[in-house]
């Protein structure tokens, strides 16, 4: 299971690097998840990833990092369902309208989280 956590970390780091180089994919991703009810699939995906992190944190090199991220990811998934479709779509639209420099900063944060997961797992 810890291998799956490392693969998720590698995916996050790659997403961060790609979006630092060119933030256009992040805007496309925000638009994709904002269509229809896709955001609920994203919420379920976050719940699944958070559960994987929590289930695996005991095997990790630094369990507190993996467990803490697992809790945060679970909460992010829950908030999608708590806030509702229209509010989450409005938030996605708001983020999609931000300048590329801010999206690059967010991508740097995603890269750092992915690197932390890879190291901590």
PDB file of N, CA and C in Angstrom:
ATOM      1  N   UNK A   1       0.827  -1.190   0.000  1.00  0.00           N
ATOM      2  CA  UNK A   1       0.000   0.000   0.000  1.00  0.00           C
ATOM      3  C   UNK A   1       0.875   1.260   0.000  1.00  0.00           C
ATOM      4  N   UNK A   2       2.034   1.191   0.616  1.00  0.00           N
ATOM      5  CA  UNK A   2       2.904   2.362   0.666  1.00  0.00           C
ATOM      6  C   UNK A   2       3.407   2.709  -0.737  1.00  0.00           C
ATOM      7  N   UNK A   3       3.504   1.690  -1.601  1.00  0.00           N
ATOM      8  CA  UNK A   3       3.888   1.937  -2.989  1.00  0.00           C
ATOM      9  C   UNK A   3       2.835   2.808  -3.680  1.00  0.00           C
ATOM     10  N   UNK A   4       1.577   2.555  -3.394  1.00  0.00           N
ATOM     11  CA  UNK A   4       0.496   3.367  -3.960  1.00  0.00           C
ATOM     12  C   UNK A   4       0.600   4.821  -3.486  1.00  0.00           C
ATOM     13  N   UNK A   5       0.941   5.011  -2.229  1.00  0.00           N
ATOM     14  CA  UNK A   5       1.125   6.366  -1.689  1.00  0.00           C
ATOM     15  C   UNK A   5       2.270   7.061  -2.421  1.00  0.00           C
ATOM     16  N   UNK A   6       3.376   6.334  -2.653  1.00  0.00           N
ATOM     17  CA  UNK A   6       4.498   6.936  -3.381  1.00  0.00           C
ATOM     18  C   UNK A   6       4.099   7.283  -4.814  1.00  0.00           C
ATOM     19  N   UNK A   7       3.314   6.429  -5.452  1.00  0.00           N
ATOM     20  CA  UNK A   7       2.855   6.717  -6.815  1.00  0.00           C
ATOM     21  C   UNK A   7       1.967   7.960  -6.841  1.00  0.00           C
ATOM     22  N   UNK A   8       1.127   8.116  -5.835  1.00  0.00           N
ATOM     23  CA  UNK A   8       0.298   9.326  -5.741  1.00  0.00           C
ATOM     24  C   UNK A   8       1.194  10.550  -5.563  1.00  0.00           C
ATOM     25  N   UNK A   9       2.232  10.426  -4.748  1.00  0.00           N
ATOM     26  CA  UNK A   9       3.180  11.525  -4.562  1.00  0.00           C
ATOM     27  C   UNK A   9       3.906  11.871  -5.848  1.00  0.00           C
ATOM     28  N   UNK A  10       4.302  10.853  -6.611  1.00  0.00           N
ATOM     29  CA  UNK A  10       4.969  11.097  -7.895  1.00  0.00           C
ATOM     30  C   UNK A  10       4.014  11.803  -8.852  1.00  0.00           C
ATOM     31  N   UNK A  11       2.749  11.364  -8.878  1.00  0.00           N
ATOM     32  CA  UNK A  11       1.747  12.012  -9.723  1.00  0.00           C
ATOM     33  C   UNK A  11       1.582  13.475  -9.332  1.00  0.00           C
ATOM     34  N   UNK A  12       1.486  13.750  -8.037  1.00  0.00           N
ATOM     35  CA  UNK A  12       1.329  15.131  -7.571  1.00  0.00           C
ATOM     36  C   UNK A  12       2.527  15.983  -7.974  1.00  0.00           C
ATOM     37  N   UNK A  13       3.728  15.437  -7.810  1.00  0.00           N
ATOM     38  CA  UNK A  13       4.931  16.183  -8.168  1.00  0.00           C
ATOM     39  C   UNK A  13       4.957  16.478  -9.664  1.00  0.00           C
ATOM     40  N   UNK A  14       4.573  15.502 -10.477  1.00  0.00           N
ATOM     41  CA  UNK A  14       4.544  15.712 -11.933  1.00  0.00           C
ATOM     42  C   UNK A  14       3.514  16.769 -12.318  1.00  0.00           C
ATOM     43  N   UNK A  15       2.349  16.719 -11.693  1.00  0.00           N
ATOM     44  CA  UNK A  15       1.323  17.740 -11.952  1.00  0.00           C
ATOM     45  C   UNK A  15       1.867  19.118 -11.582  1.00  0.00           C
ATOM     46  N   UNK A  16       2.568  19.206 -10.467  1.00  0.00           N
ATOM     47  CA  UNK A  16       3.150  20.479 -10.057  1.00  0.00           C
ATOM     48  C   UNK A  16       4.154  21.002 -11.067  1.00  0.00           C
ATOM     49  N   UNK A  17       5.057  20.139 -11.533  1.00  0.00           N
ATOM     50  CA  UNK A  17       6.082  20.559 -12.494  1.00  0.00           C
ATOM     51  C   UNK A  17       5.442  21.014 -13.800  1.00  0.00           C
ATOM     52  N   UNK A  18       4.493  20.224 -14.309  1.00  0.00           N
ATOM     53  CA  UNK A  18       3.831  20.570 -15.570  1.00  0.00           C
ATOM     54  C   UNK A  18       3.147  21.931 -15.460  1.00  0.00           C
ATOM     55  N   UNK A  19       2.487  22.189 -14.346  1.00  0.00           N
ATOM     56  CA  UNK A  19       1.750  23.441 -14.200  1.00  0.00           C
ATOM     57  C   UNK A  19       2.636  24.619 -13.833  1.00  0.00           C
ATOM     58  N   UNK A  20       3.825  24.366 -13.320  1.00  0.00           N
ATOM     59  CA  UNK A  20       4.785  25.468 -13.134  1.00  0.00           C
ATOM     60  C   UNK A  20       5.276  25.931 -14.500  1.00  0.00           C
ATOM     61  N   UNK A  21       5.559  24.975 -15.378  1.00  0.00           N
ATOM     62  CA  UNK A  21       6.044  25.301 -16.713  1.00  0.00           C
ATOM     63  C   UNK A  21       4.967  26.022 -17.519  1.00  0.00           C
ATOM     64  N   UNK A  22       3.741  25.499 -17.464  1.00  0.00           N
ATOM     65  CA  UNK A  22       2.639  26.068 -18.243  1.00  0.00           C
ATOM     66  C   UNK A  22       1.341  25.882 -17.460  1.00  0.00           C
ATOM     67  N   UNK A  23       0.754  26.953 -16.919  1.00  0.00           N
ATOM     68  CA  UNK A  23      -0.461  26.831 -16.111  1.00  0.00           C
ATOM     69  C   UNK A  23      -1.734  26.526 -16.899  1.00  0.00           C
ATOM     70  N   UNK A  24      -1.677  26.498 -18.224  1.00  0.00           N
ATOM     71  CA  UNK A  24      -2.877  26.236 -19.022  1.00  0.00           C
ATOM     72  C   UNK A  24      -3.528  24.893 -18.678  1.00  0.00           C
ATOM     73  N   UNK A  25      -2.760  23.812 -18.454  1.00  0.00           N
ATOM     74  CA  UNK A  25      -3.419  22.559 -18.077  1.00  0.00           C
ATOM     75  C   UNK A  25      -4.211  22.657 -16.773  1.00  0.00           C
ATOM     76  N   UNK A  26      -3.748  23.489 -15.843  1.00  0.00           N
ATOM     77  CA  UNK A  26      -4.480  23.646 -14.595  1.00  0.00           C
ATOM     78  C   UNK A  26      -5.824  24.316 -14.860  1.00  0.00           C
ATOM     79  N   UNK A  27      -5.840  25.313 -15.732  1.00  0.00           N
ATOM     80  CA  UNK A  27      -7.101  25.979 -16.069  1.00  0.00           C
ATOM     81  C   UNK A  27      -8.051  24.998 -16.763  1.00  0.00           C
ATOM     82  N   UNK A  28      -7.503  24.152 -17.640  1.00  0.00           N
ATOM     83  CA  UNK A  28      -8.333  23.148 -18.313  1.00  0.00           C
ATOM     84  C   UNK A  28      -8.873  22.133 -17.302  1.00  0.00           C
ATOM     85  N   UNK A  29      -8.036  21.759 -16.342  1.00  0.00           N
ATOM     86  CA  UNK A  29      -8.460  20.803 -15.322  1.00  0.00           C
ATOM     87  C   UNK A  29      -9.578  21.404 -14.462  1.00  0.00           C
ATOM     88  N   UNK A  30      -9.448  22.659 -14.089  1.00  0.00           N
ATOM     89  CA  UNK A  30     -10.495  23.318 -13.311  1.00  0.00           C
ATOM     90  C   UNK A  30     -11.799  23.372 -14.098  1.00  0.00           C
ATOM     91  N   UNK A  31     -11.702  23.679 -15.392  1.00  0.00           N
ATOM     92  CA  UNK A  31     -12.902  23.724 -16.230  1.00  0.00           C
ATOM     93  C   UNK A  31     -13.512  22.328 -16.381  1.00  0.00           C
ATOM     94  N   UNK A  32     -12.666  21.305 -16.525  1.00  0.00           N
ATOM     95  CA  UNK A  32     -13.158  19.933 -16.658  1.00  0.00           C
ATOM     96  C   UNK A  32     -13.963  19.517 -15.430  1.00  0.00           C
ATOM     97  N   UNK A  33     -13.404  19.721 -14.241  1.00  0.00           N
ATOM     98  CA  UNK A  33     -14.084  19.299 -13.021  1.00  0.00           C
ATOM     99  C   UNK A  33     -15.314  20.150 -12.732  1.00  0.00           C
ATOM    100  N   UNK A  34     -15.397  21.339 -13.312  1.00  0.00           N
ATOM    101  CA  UNK A  34     -16.544  22.209 -13.086  1.00  0.00           C
ATOM    102  C   UNK A  34     -17.750  21.900 -13.956  1.00  0.00           C
ATOM    103  N   UNK A  35     -17.631  20.959 -14.878  1.00  0.00           N
ATOM    104  CA  UNK A  35     -18.744  20.618 -15.766  1.00  0.00           C
ATOM    105  C   UNK A  35     -19.651  19.580 -15.120  1.00  0.00           C
ATOM    106  N   UNK A  36     -20.935  19.819 -15.207  1.00  0.00           N
ATOM    107  CA  UNK A  36     -21.911  18.846 -14.718  1.00  0.00           C
ATOM    108  C   UNK A  36     -21.695  18.484 -13.265  1.00  0.00           C
ATOM    109  N   UNK A  37     -21.738  17.200 -12.998  1.00  0.00           N
ATOM    110  CA  UNK A  37     -21.567  16.702 -11.630  1.00  0.00           C
ATOM    111  C   UNK A  37     -20.208  16.035 -11.431  1.00  0.00           C
ATOM    112  N   UNK A  38     -19.252  16.343 -12.299  1.00  0.00           N
ATOM    113  CA  UNK A  38     -17.924  15.731 -12.205  1.00  0.00           C
ATOM    114  C   UNK A  38     -17.243  16.019 -10.877  1.00  0.00           C
ATOM    115  N   UNK A  39     -17.563  17.133 -10.284  1.00  0.00           N
ATOM    116  CA  UNK A  39     -16.909  17.500  -9.036  1.00  0.00           C
ATOM    117  C   UNK A  39     -17.194  16.467  -7.952  1.00  0.00           C
ATOM    118  N   UNK A  40     -18.338  15.797  -8.028  1.00  0.00           N
ATOM    119  CA  UNK A  40     -18.635  14.752  -7.056  1.00  0.00           C
ATOM    120  C   UNK A  40     -17.699  13.558  -7.236  1.00  0.00           C
ATOM    121  N   UNK A  41     -17.338  13.254  -8.464  1.00  0.00           N
ATOM    122  CA  UNK A  41     -16.342  12.197  -8.708  1.00  0.00           C
ATOM    123  C   UNK A  41     -14.997  12.620  -8.120  1.00  0.00           C
ATOM    124  N   UNK A  42     -14.676  13.910  -8.244  1.00  0.00           N
ATOM    125  CA  UNK A  42     -13.459  14.423  -7.632  1.00  0.00           C
ATOM    126  C   UNK A  42     -13.492  14.311  -6.114  1.00  0.00           C
ATOM    127  N   UNK A  43     -14.662  14.564  -5.538  1.00  0.00           N
ATOM    128  CA  UNK A  43     -14.809  14.414  -4.084  1.00  0.00           C
ATOM    129  C   UNK A  43     -14.614  12.970  -3.657  1.00  0.00           C
ATOM    130  N   UNK A  44     -15.193  12.041  -4.409  1.00  0.00           N
ATOM    131  CA  UNK A  44     -15.000  10.616  -4.093  1.00  0.00           C
ATOM    132  C   UNK A  44     -13.543  10.204  -4.245  1.00  0.00           C
ATOM    133  N   UNK A  45     -12.882  10.745  -5.267  1.00  0.00           N
ATOM    134  CA  UNK A  45     -11.463  10.448  -5.462  1.00  0.00           C
ATOM    135  C   UNK A  45     -10.639  10.955  -4.283  1.00  0.00           C
ATOM    136  N   UNK A  46     -10.948  12.127  -3.812  1.00  0.00           N
ATOM    137  CA  UNK A  46     -10.237  12.666  -2.642  1.00  0.00           C
ATOM    138  C   UNK A  46     -10.490  11.814  -1.401  1.00  0.00           C
ATOM    139  N   UNK A  47     -11.720  11.365  -1.219  1.00  0.00           N
ATOM    140  CA  UNK A  47     -12.011  10.493  -0.084  1.00  0.00           C
ATOM    141  C   UNK A  47     -11.213   9.194  -0.181  1.00  0.00           C
ATOM    142  N   UNK A  48     -11.102   8.651  -1.375  1.00  0.00           N
ATOM    143  CA  UNK A  48     -10.343   7.423  -1.580  1.00  0.00           C
ATOM    144  C   UNK A  48      -8.858   7.634  -1.297  1.00  0.00           C
ATOM    145  N   UNK A  49      -8.293   8.705  -1.832  1.00  0.00           N
ATOM    146  CA  UNK A  49      -6.866   8.992  -1.617  1.00  0.00           C
ATOM    147  C   UNK A  49      -6.597   9.252  -0.137  1.00  0.00           C
ATOM    148  N   UNK A  50      -7.472  10.002   0.514  1.00  0.00           N
ATOM    149  CA  UNK A  50      -7.305  10.253   1.948  1.00  0.00           C
ATOM    150  C   UNK A  50      -7.351   8.967   2.747  1.00  0.00           C
ATOM    151  N   UNK A  51      -8.263   8.061   2.387  1.00  0.00           N
ATOM    152  CA  UNK A  51      -8.345   6.774   3.075  1.00  0.00           C
ATOM    153  C   UNK A  51      -7.092   5.942   2.841  1.00  0.00           C
ATOM    154  N   UNK A  52      -6.563   5.963   1.625  1.00  0.00           N
ATOM    155  CA  UNK A  52      -5.321   5.239   1.332  1.00  0.00           C
ATOM    156  C   UNK A  52      -4.181   5.789   2.175  1.00  0.00           C
ATOM    157  N   UNK A  53      -4.090   7.107   2.286  1.00  0.00           N
ATOM    158  CA  UNK A  53      -3.033   7.713   3.098  1.00  0.00           C
ATOM    159  C   UNK A  53      -3.179   7.310   4.563  1.00  0.00           C
ATOM    160  N   UNK A  54      -4.397   7.373   5.078  1.00  0.00           N
ATOM    161  CA  UNK A  54      -4.599   7.020   6.486  1.00  0.00           C
ATOM    162  C   UNK A  54      -4.331   5.539   6.734  1.00  0.00           C
ATOM    163  N   UNK A  55      -4.718   4.709   5.799  1.00  0.00           N
ATOM    164  CA  UNK A  55      -4.513   3.281   5.945  1.00  0.00           C
ATOM    165  C   UNK A  55      -3.021   2.937   5.899  1.00  0.00           C
ATOM    166  N   UNK A  56      -2.240   3.712   5.161  1.00  0.00           N
ATOM    167  CA  UNK A  56      -0.825   3.418   4.944  1.00  0.00           C
ATOM    168  C   UNK A  56       0.118   4.158   5.874  1.00  0.00           C
ATOM    169  N   UNK A  57      -0.372   5.090   6.640  1.00  0.00           N
ATOM    170  CA  UNK A  57       0.561   5.949   7.378  1.00  0.00           C
ATOM    171  C   UNK A  57       1.415   5.175   8.381  1.00  0.00           C
ATOM    172  N   UNK A  58       0.936   4.061   8.884  1.00  0.00           N
ATOM    173  CA  UNK A  58       1.727   3.278   9.836  1.00  0.00           C
ATOM    174  C   UNK A  58       2.964   2.646   9.223  1.00  0.00           C
ATOM    175  N   UNK A  59       2.966   2.463   7.911  1.00  0.00           N
ATOM    176  CA  UNK A  59       4.104   1.864   7.217  1.00  0.00           C
ATOM    177  C   UNK A  59       5.080   2.913   6.686  1.00  0.00           C
ATOM    178  N   UNK A  60       4.750   4.171   6.830  1.00  0.00           N
ATOM    179  CA  UNK A  60       5.532   5.249   6.230  1.00  0.00           C
ATOM    180  C   UNK A  60       6.786   5.563   7.041  1.00  0.00           C
ATOM    181  N   UNK A  61       7.741   6.169   6.371  1.00  0.00           N
ATOM    182  CA  UNK A  61       8.972   6.624   7.019  1.00  0.00           C
ATOM    183  C   UNK A  61       8.658   7.723   8.029  1.00  0.00           C
ATOM    184  N   UNK A  62       7.781   8.646   7.641  1.00  0.00           N
ATOM    185  CA  UNK A  62       7.335   9.714   8.544  1.00  0.00           C
ATOM    186  C   UNK A  62       5.809   9.634   8.600  1.00  0.00           C
ATOM    187  N   UNK A  63       5.267   8.837   9.523  1.00  0.00           N
ATOM    188  CA  UNK A  63       3.828   8.598   9.560  1.00  0.00           C
ATOM    189  C   UNK A  63       2.988   9.851   9.786  1.00  0.00           C
ATOM    190  N   UNK A  64       3.509  10.804  10.532  1.00  0.00           N
ATOM    191  CA  UNK A  64       2.729  12.008  10.828  1.00  0.00           C
ATOM    192  C   UNK A  64       2.423  12.801   9.560  1.00  0.00           C
ATOM    193  N   UNK A  65       3.352  12.847   8.624  1.00  0.00           N
ATOM    194  CA  UNK A  65       3.125  13.586   7.378  1.00  0.00           C
ATOM    195  C   UNK A  65       2.055  12.898   6.548  1.00  0.00           C
ATOM    196  N   UNK A  66       2.180  11.587   6.386  1.00  0.00           N
ATOM    197  CA  UNK A  66       1.222  10.851   5.566  1.00  0.00           C
ATOM    198  C   UNK A  66      -0.160  10.850   6.236  1.00  0.00           C
ATOM    199  N   UNK A  67      -0.202  10.651   7.542  1.00  0.00           N
ATOM    200  CA  UNK A  67      -1.472  10.671   8.265  1.00  0.00           C
ATOM    201  C   UNK A  67      -2.122  12.045   8.246  1.00  0.00           C
ATOM    202  N   UNK A  68      -1.324  13.076   8.442  1.00  0.00           N
ATOM    203  CA  UNK A  68      -1.853  14.447   8.419  1.00  0.00           C
ATOM    204  C   UNK A  68      -2.395  14.813   7.054  1.00  0.00           C
ATOM    205  N   UNK A  69      -1.658  14.460   6.012  1.00  0.00           N
ATOM    206  CA  UNK A  69      -2.159  14.729   4.664  1.00  0.00           C
ATOM    207  C   UNK A  69      -3.415  13.910   4.373  1.00  0.00           C
ATOM    208  N   UNK A  70      -3.455  12.685   4.888  1.00  0.00           N
ATOM    209  CA  UNK A  70      -4.645  11.858   4.711  1.00  0.00           C
ATOM    210  C   UNK A  70      -5.879  12.518   5.304  1.00  0.00           C
ATOM    211  N   UNK A  71      -5.733  13.066   6.491  1.00  0.00           N
ATOM    212  CA  UNK A  71      -6.853  13.761   7.137  1.00  0.00           C
ATOM    213  C   UNK A  71      -7.261  14.993   6.330  1.00  0.00           C
ATOM    214  N   UNK A  72      -6.274  15.781   5.884  1.00  0.00           N
ATOM    215  CA  UNK A  72      -6.590  16.979   5.104  1.00  0.00           C
ATOM    216  C   UNK A  72      -7.274  16.637   3.783  1.00  0.00           C
ATOM    217  N   UNK A  73      -6.803  15.583   3.127  1.00  0.00           N
ATOM    218  CA  UNK A  73      -7.407  15.179   1.853  1.00  0.00           C
ATOM    219  C   UNK A  73      -8.825  14.670   2.077  1.00  0.00           C
ATOM    220  N   UNK A  74      -9.043  13.904   3.154  1.00  0.00           N
ATOM    221  CA  UNK A  74     -10.398  13.450   3.485  1.00  0.00           C
ATOM    222  C   UNK A  74     -11.330  14.633   3.733  1.00  0.00           C
ATOM    223  N   UNK A  75     -10.853  15.611   4.490  1.00  0.00           N
ATOM    224  CA  UNK A  75     -11.667  16.795   4.767  1.00  0.00           C
ATOM    225  C   UNK A  75     -11.985  17.563   3.485  1.00  0.00           C
ATOM    226  N   UNK A  76     -11.004  17.658   2.587  1.00  0.00           N
ATOM    227  CA  UNK A  76     -11.245  18.344   1.305  1.00  0.00           C
ATOM    228  C   UNK A  76     -12.322  17.623   0.507  1.00  0.00           C
ATOM    229  N   UNK A  77     -12.301  16.296   0.536  1.00  0.00           N
ATOM    230  CA  UNK A  77     -13.331  15.531  -0.150  1.00  0.00           C
ATOM    231  C   UNK A  77     -14.698  15.729   0.477  1.00  0.00           C
ATOM    232  N   UNK A  78     -14.745  15.749   1.794  1.00  0.00           N
ATOM    233  CA  UNK A  78     -16.018  15.960   2.484  1.00  0.00           C
ATOM    234  C   UNK A  78     -16.589  17.341   2.205  1.00  0.00           C
ATOM    235  N   UNK A  79     -15.719  18.354   2.165  1.00  0.00           N
ATOM    236  CA  UNK A  79     -16.195  19.719   1.944  1.00  0.00           C
ATOM    237  C   UNK A  79     -16.847  19.880   0.579  1.00  0.00           C
ATOM    238  N   UNK A  80     -16.420  19.095  -0.407  1.00  0.00           N
ATOM    239  CA  UNK A  80     -17.072  19.161  -1.713  1.00  0.00           C
ATOM    240  C   UNK A  80     -18.546  18.805  -1.569  1.00  0.00           C
ATOM    241  N   UNK A  81     -18.840  17.778  -0.784  1.00  0.00           N
ATOM    242  CA  UNK A  81     -20.226  17.352  -0.604  1.00  0.00           C
ATOM    243  C   UNK A  81     -20.984  18.284   0.344  1.00  0.00           C
ATOM    244  N   UNK A  82     -20.300  18.841   1.323  1.00  0.00           N
ATOM    245  CA  UNK A  82     -20.947  19.740   2.280  1.00  0.00           C
ATOM    246  C   UNK A  82     -21.301  21.078   1.623  1.00  0.00           C
ATOM    247  N   UNK A  83     -20.379  21.627   0.841  1.00  0.00           N
ATOM    248  CA  UNK A  83     -20.616  22.937   0.222  1.00  0.00           C
ATOM    249  C   UNK A  83     -21.655  22.875  -0.889  1.00  0.00           C
ATOM    250  N   UNK A  84     -21.720  21.788  -1.587  1.00  0.00           N
ATOM    251  CA  UNK A  84     -22.703  21.663  -2.660  1.00  0.00           C
ATOM    252  C   UNK A  84     -22.130  22.035  -4.016  1.00  0.00           C
ATOM    253  N   UNK A  85     -22.838  21.599  -5.024  1.00  0.00           N
ATOM    254  CA  UNK A  85     -22.380  21.707  -6.400  1.00  0.00           C
ATOM    255  C   UNK A  85     -22.156  23.144  -6.845  1.00  0.00           C
ATOM    256  N   UNK A  86     -23.097  24.019  -6.594  1.00  0.00           N
ATOM    257  CA  UNK A  86     -22.991  25.392  -7.105  1.00  0.00           C
ATOM    258  C   UNK A  86     -21.857  26.172  -6.449  1.00  0.00           C
ATOM    259  N   UNK A  87     -21.693  26.010  -5.162  1.00  0.00           N
ATOM    260  CA  UNK A  87     -20.605  26.731  -4.472  1.00  0.00           C
ATOM    261  C   UNK A  87     -19.240  26.250  -4.943  1.00  0.00           C
ATOM    262  N   UNK A  88     -19.101  24.934  -5.097  1.00  0.00           N
ATOM    263  CA  UNK A  88     -17.813  24.393  -5.530  1.00  0.00           C
ATOM    264  C   UNK A  88     -17.526  24.819  -6.970  1.00  0.00           C
ATOM    265  N   UNK A  89     -18.546  24.821  -7.839  1.00  0.00           N
ATOM    266  CA  UNK A  89     -18.356  25.293  -9.208  1.00  0.00           C
ATOM    267  C   UNK A  89     -17.940  26.761  -9.224  1.00  0.00           C
ATOM    268  N   UNK A  90     -18.531  27.557  -8.352  1.00  0.00           N
ATOM    269  CA  UNK A  90     -18.153  28.976  -8.267  1.00  0.00           C
ATOM    270  C   UNK A  90     -16.699  29.121  -7.828  1.00  0.00           C
ATOM    271  N   UNK A  91     -16.279  28.285  -6.881  1.00  0.00           N
ATOM    272  CA  UNK A  91     -14.881  28.328  -6.427  1.00  0.00           C
ATOM    273  C   UNK A  91     -13.933  27.921  -7.548  1.00  0.00           C
ATOM    274  N   UNK A  92     -14.287  26.886  -8.312  1.00  0.00           N
ATOM    275  CA  UNK A  92     -13.450  26.462  -9.433  1.00  0.00           C
ATOM    276  C   UNK A  92     -13.343  27.566 -10.474  1.00  0.00           C
ATOM    277  N   UNK A  93     -14.452  28.227 -10.764  1.00  0.00           N
ATOM    278  CA  UNK A  93     -14.428  29.343 -11.699  1.00  0.00           C
ATOM    279  C   UNK A  93     -13.571  30.497 -11.204  1.00  0.00           C
ATOM    280  N   UNK A  94     -13.646  30.746  -9.913  1.00  0.00           N
ATOM    281  CA  UNK A  94     -12.843  31.823  -9.321  1.00  0.00           C
ATOM    282  C   UNK A  94     -11.356  31.505  -9.461  1.00  0.00           C
ATOM    283  N   UNK A  95     -10.958  30.262  -9.132  1.00  0.00           N
ATOM    284  CA  UNK A  95      -9.551  29.876  -9.264  1.00  0.00           C
ATOM    285  C   UNK A  95      -9.108  29.897 -10.721  1.00  0.00           C
ATOM    286  N   UNK A  96     -10.000  29.496 -11.627  1.00  0.00           N
ATOM    287  CA  UNK A  96      -9.659  29.483 -13.042  1.00  0.00           C
ATOM    288  C   UNK A  96      -9.437  30.861 -13.628  1.00  0.00           C
ATOM    289  N   UNK A  97      -9.967  31.883 -12.973  1.00  0.00           N
ATOM    290  CA  UNK A  97      -9.809  33.252 -13.476  1.00  0.00           C
ATOM    291  C   UNK A  97      -8.568  33.952 -12.927  1.00  0.00           C
ATOM    292  N   UNK A  98      -7.834  33.289 -12.078  1.00  0.00           N
ATOM    293  CA  UNK A  98      -6.655  33.909 -11.467  1.00  0.00           C
ATOM    294  C   UNK A  98      -5.498  33.975 -12.457  1.00  0.00           C
ATOM    295  N   UNK A  99      -4.575  34.916 -12.243  1.00  0.00           N
ATOM    296  CA  UNK A  99      -3.438  35.058 -13.172  1.00  0.00           C
ATOM    297  C   UNK A  99      -2.499  33.847 -13.109  1.00  0.00           C
ATOM    298  N   UNK A 100      -1.763  33.669 -14.194  1.00  0.00           N
ATOM    299  CA  UNK A 100      -0.853  32.528 -14.293  1.00  0.00           C
ATOM    300  C   UNK A 100       0.199  32.507 -13.189  1.00  0.00           C
ATOM    301  N   UNK A 101       0.630  33.676 -12.731  1.00  0.00           N
ATOM    302  CA  UNK A 101       1.650  33.708 -11.676  1.00  0.00           C
ATOM    303  C   UNK A 101       1.128  33.072 -10.388  1.00  0.00           C
ATOM    304  N   UNK A 102      -0.131  33.304 -10.037  1.00  0.00           N
ATOM    305  CA  UNK A 102      -0.708  32.697  -8.850  1.00  0.00           C
ATOM    306  C   UNK A 102      -0.878  31.197  -9.045  1.00  0.00           C
ATOM    307  N   UNK A 103      -1.290  30.778 -10.241  1.00  0.00           N
ATOM    308  CA  UNK A 103      -1.434  29.351 -10.517  1.00  0.00           C
ATOM    309  C   UNK A 103      -0.078  28.639 -10.466  1.00  0.00           C
ATOM    310  N   UNK A 104       0.974  29.330 -10.893  1.00  0.00           N
ATOM    311  CA  UNK A 104       2.322  28.749 -10.777  1.00  0.00           C
ATOM    312  C   UNK A 104       2.723  28.597  -9.311  1.00  0.00           C
ATOM    313  N   UNK A 105       2.350  29.552  -8.484  1.00  0.00           N
ATOM    314  CA  UNK A 105       2.636  29.457  -7.053  1.00  0.00           C
ATOM    315  C   UNK A 105       1.910  28.263  -6.440  1.00  0.00           C
ATOM    316  N   UNK A 106       0.662  28.054  -6.814  1.00  0.00           N
ATOM    317  CA  UNK A 106      -0.102  26.909  -6.328  1.00  0.00           C
ATOM    318  C   UNK A 106       0.539  25.614  -6.820  1.00  0.00           C
ATOM    319  N   UNK A 107       0.988  25.602  -8.086  1.00  0.00           N
ATOM    320  CA  UNK A 107       1.649  24.423  -8.635  1.00  0.00           C
ATOM    321  C   UNK A 107       2.938  24.118  -7.882  1.00  0.00           C
ATOM    322  N   UNK A 108       3.641  25.149  -7.438  1.00  0.00           N
ATOM    323  CA  UNK A 108       4.849  24.946  -6.635  1.00  0.00           C
ATOM    324  C   UNK A 108       4.492  24.287  -5.307  1.00  0.00           C
ATOM    325  N   UNK A 109       3.389  24.692  -4.732  1.00  0.00           N
ATOM    326  CA  UNK A 109       2.901  24.083  -3.495  1.00  0.00           C
ATOM    327  C   UNK A 109       2.541  22.611  -3.732  1.00  0.00           C
ATOM    328  N   UNK A 110       1.888  22.315  -4.856  1.00  0.00           N
ATOM    329  CA  UNK A 110       1.535  20.929  -5.195  1.00  0.00           C
ATOM    330  C   UNK A 110       2.800  20.097  -5.371  1.00  0.00           C
ATOM    331  N   UNK A 111       3.807  20.655  -6.031  1.00  0.00           N
ATOM    332  CA  UNK A 111       5.090  19.965  -6.193  1.00  0.00           C
ATOM    333  C   UNK A 111       5.718  19.670  -4.842  1.00  0.00           C
ATOM    334  N   UNK A 112       5.690  20.637  -3.931  1.00  0.00           N
ATOM    335  CA  UNK A 112       6.272  20.446  -2.599  1.00  0.00           C
ATOM    336  C   UNK A 112       5.530  19.359  -1.817  1.00  0.00           C
ATOM    337  N   UNK A 113       4.215  19.332  -1.926  1.00  0.00           N
ATOM    338  CA  UNK A 113       3.446  18.288  -1.239  1.00  0.00           C
ATOM    339  C   UNK A 113       3.777  16.923  -1.830  1.00  0.00           C
ATOM    340  N   UNK A 114       3.836  16.839  -3.151  1.00  0.00           N
ATOM    341  CA  UNK A 114       4.181  15.577  -3.788  1.00  0.00           C
ATOM    342  C   UNK A 114       5.556  15.096  -3.374  1.00  0.00           C
ATOM    343  N   UNK A 115       6.540  16.004  -3.327  1.00  0.00           N
ATOM    344  CA  UNK A 115       7.892  15.633  -2.893  1.00  0.00           C
ATOM    345  C   UNK A 115       7.886  15.192  -1.429  1.00  0.00           C
ATOM    346  N   UNK A 116       7.096  15.840  -0.594  1.00  0.00           N
ATOM    347  CA  UNK A 116       6.995  15.451   0.806  1.00  0.00           C
ATOM    348  C   UNK A 116       6.392  14.058   0.950  1.00  0.00           C
ATOM    349  N   UNK A 117       5.388  13.755   0.127  1.00  0.00           N
ATOM    350  CA  UNK A 117       4.779  12.426   0.164  1.00  0.00           C
ATOM    351  C   UNK A 117       5.796  11.372  -0.263  1.00  0.00           C
ATOM    352  N   UNK A 118       6.516  11.647  -1.338  1.00  0.00           N
ATOM    353  CA  UNK A 118       7.511  10.681  -1.822  1.00  0.00           C
ATOM    354  C   UNK A 118       8.557  10.414  -0.743  1.00  0.00           C
ATOM    355  N   UNK A 119       9.052  11.464  -0.105  1.00  0.00           N
ATOM    356  CA  UNK A 119      10.082  11.305   0.923  1.00  0.00           C
ATOM    357  C   UNK A 119       9.520  10.630   2.176  1.00  0.00           C
ATOM    358  N   UNK A 120       8.322  10.988   2.570  1.00  0.00           N
ATOM    359  CA  UNK A 120       7.765  10.502   3.830  1.00  0.00           C
ATOM    360  C   UNK A 120       7.230   9.080   3.746  1.00  0.00           C
ATOM    361  N   UNK A 121       6.861   8.631   2.550  1.00  0.00           N
ATOM    362  CA  UNK A 121       6.263   7.300   2.398  1.00  0.00           C
ATOM    363  C   UNK A 121       7.285   6.180   2.549  1.00  0.00           C
TER     364      UNK A 121
END
